[in-house]
Amino acid sequence: MRVSFPYLVLAALGALSLYAAANPPSPAPGYPDPERLGAEIRAFEDSDRRLPPPSGAIVCLGSSSMRMWHEHLASDLSPLTVVPRGFGGSTLYDALVYLPRIVLDLRPRALLLYEGDNDIDFGVSPDGVRKTFDALVHEVQHALPGTRIYVLSIKPSPARWALWPEMREANHLLDLACGDDSLLTYVDIATPMLDENGLPRGNLFLPDSLHMNPDGYAIWKSVIRPVLLENEGRWERKPEPAGKGG
């Protein structure tokens, strides 16, 4: 079979894309091995095979703060169609590594992202958080051009208050990153979680002083839902199960 030069170029680009997905950028110092979370990723894949999630939805990706919202995500963000993808203990680098397996195949129209909390706790610098975020954005936009990403600020918590200066700097860098791209939106959930003295509101947290109780998620809902409705409401439709259609 005769293969034209344009065909060879497209094939090469496709191979490079697959290579990039299988070989994400090297992590910044401090990131743990993503394989520690492999069982949770395989659980998502097994569930998706049994009941394919809808395509064209909003995928909600993040660490345990996102995972613990799973039960109420659909009702809190109704009438928007959302797919929960929170996995406990994850970092931005974990999200980057597992994008092809638990996000990109769903062909979402938008991504709601909460990461960075654990990154800073593992010792990753604010600049490392920003660079990993930039790499994640690049992968999403390369695979699904036009996908909108809503990045939530890192939350303040009593348990990690000593790390707040680094978290606040990471939030600043994430805000700057979103300011440079019309497809990125920074959503500040941190400010309303602070009291009049600039300290974390203890009544928003479970006894571990890290994860949120229903009052904490009520804050998130009050901030996030209006942003998504304003920007995503016009795109809402009845999504098709992933893998169907042309």
C-alpha atoms as a PDB file:
ATOM      1  CA  MET A   1       0.000   0.000   0.000  1.00  0.00           C
ATOM      2  CA  ARG A   2       1.315   3.401  -0.919  1.00  0.00           C
ATOM      3  CA  VAL A   3       1.357   5.784   2.064  1.00  0.00           C
ATOM      4  CA  SER A   4       1.296   9.510   1.406  1.00  0.00           C
ATOM      5  CA  PHE A   5       3.560  11.951   3.257  1.00  0.00           C
ATOM      6  CA  PRO A   6       0.585  13.651   5.023  1.00  0.00           C
ATOM      7  CA  TYR A   7      -0.551  10.238   6.243  1.00  0.00           C
ATOM      8  CA  LEU A   8       2.904   9.537   7.654  1.00  0.00           C
ATOM      9  CA  VAL A   9       2.919  12.910   9.422  1.00  0.00           C
ATOM     10  CA  LEU A  10      -0.504  12.277  10.970  1.00  0.00           C
ATOM     11  CA  ALA A  11       0.533   8.787  12.039  1.00  0.00           C
ATOM     12  CA  ALA A  12       3.687  10.147  13.635  1.00  0.00           C
ATOM     13  CA  LEU A  13       1.749  12.835  15.473  1.00  0.00           C
ATOM     14  CA  GLY A  14      -0.691  10.210  16.712  1.00  0.00           C
ATOM     15  CA  ALA A  15       2.160   8.070  17.991  1.00  0.00           C
ATOM     16  CA  LEU A  16       3.682  11.063  19.741  1.00  0.00           C
ATOM     17  CA  SER A  17       0.343  11.805  21.377  1.00  0.00           C
ATOM     18  CA  LEU A  18       0.065   8.251  22.669  1.00  0.00           C
ATOM     19  CA  TYR A  19       3.651   8.399  23.904  1.00  0.00           C
ATOM     20  CA  ALA A  20       2.965  11.661  25.764  1.00  0.00           C
ATOM     21  CA  ALA A  21      -0.106  10.165  27.435  1.00  0.00           C
ATOM     22  CA  ALA A  22       1.858   7.127  28.570  1.00  0.00           C
ATOM     23  CA  ASN A  23       4.912   9.159  29.561  1.00  0.00           C
ATOM     24  CA  PRO A  24       3.849  12.281  31.478  1.00  0.00           C
ATOM     25  CA  PRO A  25       6.432  14.912  32.402  1.00  0.00           C
ATOM     26  CA  SER A  26       8.759  14.079  35.256  1.00  0.00           C
ATOM     27  CA  PRO A  27       7.216  15.169  38.567  1.00  0.00           C
ATOM     28  CA  ALA A  28       8.491  18.099  40.581  1.00  0.00           C
ATOM     29  CA  PRO A  29      10.472  17.155  43.714  1.00  0.00           C
ATOM     30  CA  GLY A  30       8.253  15.807  46.462  1.00  0.00           C
ATOM     31  CA  TYR A  31       5.648  13.944  44.459  1.00  0.00           C
ATOM     32  CA  PRO A  32       5.023  10.316  45.493  1.00  0.00           C
ATOM     33  CA  ASP A  33       4.609   7.396  43.082  1.00  0.00           C
ATOM     34  CA  PRO A  34       1.144   7.531  41.435  1.00  0.00           C
ATOM     35  CA  GLU A  35       0.967   3.733  41.471  1.00  0.00           C
ATOM     36  CA  ARG A  36       0.019   3.891  45.185  1.00  0.00           C
ATOM     37  CA  LEU A  37      -3.453   4.929  43.943  1.00  0.00           C
ATOM     38  CA  GLY A  38      -3.686   2.318  41.191  1.00  0.00           C
ATOM     39  CA  ALA A  39      -6.448   0.341  42.913  1.00  0.00           C
ATOM     40  CA  GLU A  40      -8.752   3.381  42.987  1.00  0.00           C
ATOM     41  CA  ILE A  41      -8.106   4.049  39.299  1.00  0.00           C
ATOM     42  CA  ARG A  42      -8.858   0.450  38.383  1.00  0.00           C
ATOM     43  CA  ALA A  43     -12.084   0.697  40.377  1.00  0.00           C
ATOM     44  CA  PHE A  44     -13.137   3.671  38.219  1.00  0.00           C
ATOM     45  CA  GLU A  45     -12.307   1.703  35.075  1.00  0.00           C
ATOM     46  CA  ASP A  46     -14.248  -1.368  36.246  1.00  0.00           C
ATOM     47  CA  SER A  47     -17.255   0.796  37.076  1.00  0.00           C
ATOM     48  CA  ASP A  48     -17.057   2.556  33.709  1.00  0.00           C
ATOM     49  CA  ARG A  49     -17.108  -0.785  31.894  1.00  0.00           C
ATOM     50  CA  ARG A  50     -20.224  -1.853  33.769  1.00  0.00           C
ATOM     51  CA  LEU A  51     -22.016   1.467  33.385  1.00  0.00           C
ATOM     52  CA  PRO A  52     -20.371   3.915  30.966  1.00  0.00           C
ATOM     53  CA  PRO A  53     -20.568   7.497  32.249  1.00  0.00           C
ATOM     54  CA  PRO A  54     -22.025  10.154  29.950  1.00  0.00           C
ATOM     55  CA  SER A  55     -19.794  11.991  27.536  1.00  0.00           C
ATOM     56  CA  GLY A  56     -19.996  15.759  27.211  1.00  0.00           C
ATOM     57  CA  ALA A  57     -20.444  16.184  30.962  1.00  0.00           C
ATOM     58  CA  ILE A  58     -18.433  18.058  33.600  1.00  0.00           C
ATOM     59  CA  VAL A  59     -15.841  15.765  35.167  1.00  0.00           C
ATOM     60  CA  CYS A  60     -15.147  16.612  38.823  1.00  0.00           C
ATOM     61  CA  LEU A  61     -11.552  15.563  39.440  1.00  0.00           C
ATOM     62  CA  GLY A  62      -9.601  15.880  42.660  1.00  0.00           C
ATOM     63  CA  SER A  63      -8.393  14.581  45.982  1.00  0.00           C
ATOM     64  CA  SER A  64     -10.376  13.457  49.035  1.00  0.00           C
ATOM     65  CA  SER A  65     -12.186  16.797  49.358  1.00  0.00           C
ATOM     66  CA  MET A  66     -13.686  16.067  45.943  1.00  0.00           C
ATOM     67  CA  ARG A  67     -14.176  12.369  46.654  1.00  0.00           C
ATOM     68  CA  MET A  68     -16.127  13.056  49.853  1.00  0.00           C
ATOM     69  CA  TRP A  69     -18.460  15.303  47.839  1.00  0.00           C
ATOM     70  CA  HIS A  70     -19.423  12.469  45.491  1.00  0.00           C
ATOM     71  CA  GLU A  71     -22.698  11.647  47.228  1.00  0.00           C
ATOM     72  CA  HIS A  72     -24.064  15.164  46.844  1.00  0.00           C
ATOM     73  CA  LEU A  73     -22.285  16.395  43.706  1.00  0.00           C
ATOM     74  CA  ALA A  74     -25.176  15.707  41.343  1.00  0.00           C
ATOM     75  CA  SER A  75     -27.793  17.394  43.531  1.00  0.00           C
ATOM     76  CA  ASP A  76     -25.565  20.309  44.560  1.00  0.00           C
ATOM     77  CA  LEU A  77     -24.655  21.122  40.952  1.00  0.00           C
ATOM     78  CA  SER A  78     -28.012  20.252  39.377  1.00  0.00           C
ATOM     79  CA  PRO A  79     -29.192  20.593  36.636  1.00  0.00           C
ATOM     80  CA  LEU A  80     -25.654  20.248  35.274  1.00  0.00           C
ATOM     81  CA  THR A  81     -24.491  16.747  34.378  1.00  0.00           C
ATOM     82  CA  VAL A  82     -21.410  15.832  36.395  1.00  0.00           C
ATOM     83  CA  VAL A  83     -19.164  12.776  36.650  1.00  0.00           C
ATOM     84  CA  PRO A  84     -17.338  12.287  39.989  1.00  0.00           C
ATOM     85  CA  ARG A  85     -13.654  11.496  39.758  1.00  0.00           C
ATOM     86  CA  GLY A  86     -12.265  12.215  43.219  1.00  0.00           C
ATOM     87  CA  PHE A  87      -9.627   9.829  44.574  1.00  0.00           C
ATOM     88  CA  GLY A  88      -8.299  10.232  48.083  1.00  0.00           C
ATOM     89  CA  GLY A  89      -4.746  11.359  48.728  1.00  0.00           C
ATOM     90  CA  SER A  90      -4.189  12.424  45.135  1.00  0.00           C
ATOM     91  CA  THR A  91      -2.050  15.269  43.828  1.00  0.00           C
ATOM     92  CA  LEU A  92      -1.952  17.274  40.628  1.00  0.00           C
ATOM     93  CA  TYR A  93       0.704  14.891  39.331  1.00  0.00           C
ATOM     94  CA  ASP A  94      -1.558  11.892  40.028  1.00  0.00           C
ATOM     95  CA  ALA A  95      -4.352  13.669  38.165  1.00  0.00           C
ATOM     96  CA  LEU A  96      -1.984  14.304  35.246  1.00  0.00           C
ATOM     97  CA  VAL A  97      -0.778  10.699  35.093  1.00  0.00           C
ATOM     98  CA  TYR A  98      -4.280   9.214  35.213  1.00  0.00           C
ATOM     99  CA  LEU A  99      -5.995  11.719  32.899  1.00  0.00           C
ATOM    100  CA  PRO A 100      -6.087   9.334  29.915  1.00  0.00           C
ATOM    101  CA  ARG A 101      -7.647   6.551  31.980  1.00  0.00           C
ATOM    102  CA  ILE A 102     -10.330   8.324  33.998  1.00  0.00           C
ATOM    103  CA  VAL A 103     -11.007  11.669  32.289  1.00  0.00           C
ATOM    104  CA  LEU A 104     -10.061  12.025  28.632  1.00  0.00           C
ATOM    105  CA  ASP A 105     -11.903   8.911  27.442  1.00  0.00           C
ATOM    106  CA  LEU A 106     -15.126  10.485  28.742  1.00  0.00           C
ATOM    107  CA  ARG A 107     -14.683  13.454  26.392  1.00  0.00           C
ATOM    108  CA  PRO A 108     -15.953  15.988  28.939  1.00  0.00           C
ATOM    109  CA  ARG A 109     -16.879  19.504  27.905  1.00  0.00           C
ATOM    110  CA  ALA A 110     -15.425  20.864  31.159  1.00  0.00           C
ATOM    111  CA  LEU A 111     -13.298  19.854  34.120  1.00  0.00           C
ATOM    112  CA  LEU A 112     -13.814  20.934  37.737  1.00  0.00           C
ATOM    113  CA  LEU A 113     -10.469  20.427  39.475  1.00  0.00           C
ATOM    114  CA  TYR A 114      -9.497  20.355  43.153  1.00  0.00           C
ATOM    115  CA  GLU A 115      -5.851  19.483  43.737  1.00  0.00           C
ATOM    116  CA  GLY A 116      -2.825  21.087  45.378  1.00  0.00           C
ATOM    117  CA  ASP A 117      -3.747  20.466  49.007  1.00  0.00           C
ATOM    118  CA  ASN A 118      -1.791  17.205  49.173  1.00  0.00           C
ATOM    119  CA  ASP A 119       0.906  18.518  46.833  1.00  0.00           C
ATOM    120  CA  ILE A 120       1.955  21.141  49.376  1.00  0.00           C
ATOM    121  CA  ASP A 121       1.661  18.628  52.231  1.00  0.00           C
ATOM    122  CA  PHE A 122       4.071  16.308  50.388  1.00  0.00           C
ATOM    123  CA  GLY A 123       6.573  19.161  50.187  1.00  0.00           C
ATOM    124  CA  VAL A 124       6.017  20.254  46.588  1.00  0.00           C
ATOM    125  CA  SER A 125       6.788  23.954  46.140  1.00  0.00           C
ATOM    126  CA  PRO A 126       4.149  26.436  44.942  1.00  0.00           C
ATOM    127  CA  ASP A 127       6.128  26.766  41.718  1.00  0.00           C
ATOM    128  CA  GLY A 128       6.060  22.977  41.357  1.00  0.00           C
ATOM    129  CA  VAL A 129       2.269  23.052  41.763  1.00  0.00           C
ATOM    130  CA  ARG A 130       1.994  25.693  39.026  1.00  0.00           C
ATOM    131  CA  LYS A 131       4.227  23.762  36.632  1.00  0.00           C
ATOM    132  CA  THR A 132       2.286  20.538  37.178  1.00  0.00           C
ATOM    133  CA  PHE A 133      -0.972  22.405  36.644  1.00  0.00           C
ATOM    134  CA  ASP A 134       0.393  23.846  33.393  1.00  0.00           C
ATOM    135  CA  ALA A 135       1.306  20.324  32.243  1.00  0.00           C
ATOM    136  CA  LEU A 136      -2.192  19.060  33.067  1.00  0.00           C
ATOM    137  CA  VAL A 137      -3.803  21.921  31.155  1.00  0.00           C
ATOM    138  CA  HIS A 138      -1.563  21.185  28.173  1.00  0.00           C
ATOM    139  CA  GLU A 139      -2.574  17.514  28.149  1.00  0.00           C
ATOM    140  CA  VAL A 140      -6.289  18.302  28.394  1.00  0.00           C
ATOM    141  CA  GLN A 141      -6.187  20.931  25.662  1.00  0.00           C
ATOM    142  CA  HIS A 142      -4.020  18.750  23.422  1.00  0.00           C
ATOM    143  CA  ALA A 143      -6.439  15.822  23.660  1.00  0.00           C
ATOM    144  CA  LEU A 144      -9.690  17.817  23.813  1.00  0.00           C
ATOM    145  CA  PRO A 145      -9.217  21.328  22.422  1.00  0.00           C
ATOM    146  CA  GLY A 146     -11.706  23.833  23.787  1.00  0.00           C
ATOM    147  CA  THR A 147     -12.317  22.005  27.058  1.00  0.00           C
ATOM    148  CA  ARG A 148     -12.939  24.484  29.873  1.00  0.00           C
ATOM    149  CA  ILE A 149     -11.189  23.950  33.210  1.00  0.00           C
ATOM    150  CA  TYR A 150     -12.417  25.370  36.510  1.00  0.00           C
ATOM    151  CA  VAL A 151      -9.661  25.164  39.109  1.00  0.00           C
ATOM    152  CA  LEU A 152     -10.621  25.503  42.766  1.00  0.00           C
ATOM    153  CA  SER A 153      -8.258  27.260  45.132  1.00  0.00           C
ATOM    154  CA  ILE A 154      -6.566  25.169  47.797  1.00  0.00           C
ATOM    155  CA  LYS A 155      -8.722  25.323  50.911  1.00  0.00           C
ATOM    156  CA  PRO A 156      -7.473  26.573  54.292  1.00  0.00           C
ATOM    157  CA  SER A 157      -7.817  23.991  57.068  1.00  0.00           C
ATOM    158  CA  PRO A 158      -6.857  23.958  60.755  1.00  0.00           C
ATOM    159  CA  ALA A 159      -4.903  20.706  60.297  1.00  0.00           C
ATOM    160  CA  ARG A 160      -2.626  22.237  57.654  1.00  0.00           C
ATOM    161  CA  TRP A 161      -2.637  25.845  58.778  1.00  0.00           C
ATOM    162  CA  ALA A 162       1.156  25.841  59.155  1.00  0.00           C
ATOM    163  CA  LEU A 163       1.328  25.253  55.389  1.00  0.00           C
ATOM    164  CA  TRP A 164      -1.047  28.079  54.517  1.00  0.00           C
ATOM    165  CA  PRO A 165       1.676  30.521  53.352  1.00  0.00           C
ATOM    166  CA  GLU A 166       2.785  27.990  50.705  1.00  0.00           C
ATOM    167  CA  MET A 167      -0.823  27.148  49.820  1.00  0.00           C
ATOM    168  CA  ARG A 168      -1.697  30.818  49.481  1.00  0.00           C
ATOM    169  CA  GLU A 169       1.270  31.334  47.144  1.00  0.00           C
ATOM    170  CA  ALA A 170       0.210  28.295  45.092  1.00  0.00           C
ATOM    171  CA  ASN A 171      -3.298  29.752  44.876  1.00  0.00           C
ATOM    172  CA  HIS A 172      -1.837  33.025  43.631  1.00  0.00           C
ATOM    173  CA  LEU A 173       0.107  31.204  40.913  1.00  0.00           C
ATOM    174  CA  LEU A 174      -2.960  29.196  39.868  1.00  0.00           C
ATOM    175  CA  ASP A 175      -4.959  32.427  39.675  1.00  0.00           C
ATOM    176  CA  LEU A 176      -2.278  33.953  37.452  1.00  0.00           C
ATOM    177  CA  ALA A 177      -2.298  30.867  35.209  1.00  0.00           C
ATOM    178  CA  CYS A 178      -6.046  31.172  34.701  1.00  0.00           C
ATOM    179  CA  GLY A 179      -5.763  34.855  33.921  1.00  0.00           C
ATOM    180  CA  ASP A 180      -3.691  34.025  30.843  1.00  0.00           C
ATOM    181  CA  ASP A 181      -6.233  31.688  29.230  1.00  0.00           C
ATOM    182  CA  SER A 182      -9.926  32.248  28.466  1.00  0.00           C
ATOM    183  CA  LEU A 183     -10.594  28.506  28.859  1.00  0.00           C
ATOM    184  CA  LEU A 184      -9.382  28.535  32.481  1.00  0.00           C
ATOM    185  CA  THR A 185     -11.370  29.861  35.438  1.00  0.00           C
ATOM    186  CA  TYR A 186      -9.993  30.242  38.947  1.00  0.00           C
ATOM    187  CA  VAL A 187     -12.666  29.746  41.614  1.00  0.00           C
ATOM    188  CA  ASP A 188     -11.829  31.102  45.067  1.00  0.00           C
ATOM    189  CA  ILE A 189     -13.363  28.810  47.675  1.00  0.00           C
ATOM    190  CA  ALA A 190     -10.667  29.715  50.231  1.00  0.00           C
ATOM    191  CA  THR A 191     -11.714  33.256  51.189  1.00  0.00           C
ATOM    192  CA  PRO A 192     -15.239  32.363  52.386  1.00  0.00           C
ATOM    193  CA  MET A 193     -13.748  29.568  54.517  1.00  0.00           C
ATOM    194  CA  LEU A 194     -11.786  32.105  56.587  1.00  0.00           C
ATOM    195  CA  ASP A 195     -13.220  34.016  59.552  1.00  0.00           C
ATOM    196  CA  GLU A 196     -12.989  37.762  60.257  1.00  0.00           C
ATOM    197  CA  ASN A 197      -9.490  37.217  61.678  1.00  0.00           C
ATOM    198  CA  GLY A 198      -8.269  35.429  58.562  1.00  0.00           C
ATOM    199  CA  LEU A 199      -8.272  32.002  60.245  1.00  0.00           C
ATOM    200  CA  PRO A 200      -9.979  28.802  59.050  1.00  0.00           C
ATOM    201  CA  ARG A 201     -13.559  28.529  60.244  1.00  0.00           C
ATOM    202  CA  GLY A 202     -13.415  25.474  62.497  1.00  0.00           C
ATOM    203  CA  ASN A 203     -17.157  24.823  62.232  1.00  0.00           C
ATOM    204  CA  LEU A 204     -16.685  23.819  58.569  1.00  0.00           C
ATOM    205  CA  PHE A 205     -14.575  20.747  59.320  1.00  0.00           C
ATOM    206  CA  LEU A 206     -14.849  17.191  60.579  1.00  0.00           C
ATOM    207  CA  PRO A 207     -13.015  16.219  63.795  1.00  0.00           C
ATOM    208  CA  ASP A 208      -9.817  15.601  61.797  1.00  0.00           C
ATOM    209  CA  SER A 209      -9.733  19.375  61.086  1.00  0.00           C
ATOM    210  CA  LEU A 210      -8.836  18.597  57.466  1.00  0.00           C
ATOM    211  CA  HIS A 211     -11.901  17.282  55.694  1.00  0.00           C
ATOM    212  CA  MET A 212     -15.130  19.243  55.477  1.00  0.00           C
ATOM    213  CA  ASN A 213     -18.520  18.638  57.036  1.00  0.00           C
ATOM    214  CA  PRO A 214     -21.827  19.550  55.328  1.00  0.00           C
ATOM    215  CA  ASP A 215     -21.382  23.198  56.306  1.00  0.00           C
ATOM    216  CA  GLY A 216     -18.065  23.274  54.467  1.00  0.00           C
ATOM    217  CA  TYR A 217     -19.600  21.776  51.348  1.00  0.00           C
ATOM    218  CA  ALA A 218     -22.446  24.289  51.592  1.00  0.00           C
ATOM    219  CA  ILE A 219     -19.781  26.979  51.183  1.00  0.00           C
ATOM    220  CA  TRP A 220     -18.371  25.210  48.142  1.00  0.00           C
ATOM    221  CA  LYS A 221     -21.824  24.842  46.606  1.00  0.00           C
ATOM    222  CA  SER A 222     -22.637  28.515  47.150  1.00  0.00           C
ATOM    223  CA  VAL A 223     -19.453  29.576  45.337  1.00  0.00           C
ATOM    224  CA  ILE A 224     -19.054  26.921  42.635  1.00  0.00           C
ATOM    225  CA  ARG A 225     -22.630  26.356  41.450  1.00  0.00           C
ATOM    226  CA  PRO A 226     -23.285  29.935  40.234  1.00  0.00           C
ATOM    227  CA  VAL A 227     -19.997  29.974  38.311  1.00  0.00           C
ATOM    228  CA  LEU A 228     -20.758  26.688  36.573  1.00  0.00           C
ATOM    229  CA  LEU A 229     -24.375  27.586  35.856  1.00  0.00           C
ATOM    230  CA  GLU A 230     -23.358  30.902  34.307  1.00  0.00           C
ATOM    231  CA  ASN A 231     -20.660  29.386  32.128  1.00  0.00           C
ATOM    232  CA  GLU A 232     -21.884  25.827  31.507  1.00  0.00           C
ATOM    233  CA  GLY A 233     -25.667  26.103  31.664  1.00  0.00           C
ATOM    234  CA  ARG A 234     -25.999  26.980  27.986  1.00  0.00           C
ATOM    235  CA  TRP A 235     -24.041  23.894  27.031  1.00  0.00           C
ATOM    236  CA  GLU A 236     -26.121  21.523  29.118  1.00  0.00           C
ATOM    237  CA  ARG A 237     -27.831  18.766  27.195  1.00  0.00           C
ATOM    238  CA  LYS A 238     -28.672  15.163  27.791  1.00  0.00           C
ATOM    239  CA  PRO A 239     -25.216  13.580  27.374  1.00  0.00           C
ATOM    240  CA  GLU A 240     -24.696  10.301  25.573  1.00  0.00           C
ATOM    241  CA  PRO A 241     -22.924   7.439  27.322  1.00  0.00           C
ATOM    242  CA  ALA A 242     -19.184   7.584  26.669  1.00  0.00           C
ATOM    243  CA  GLY A 243     -18.105   5.527  23.687  1.00  0.00           C
ATOM    244  CA  LYS A 244     -21.365   5.955  21.747  1.00  0.00           C
ATOM    245  CA  GLY A 245     -21.912   8.079  18.706  1.00  0.00           C
ATOM    246  CA  GLY A 246     -19.606   9.039  15.878  1.00  0.00           C
END
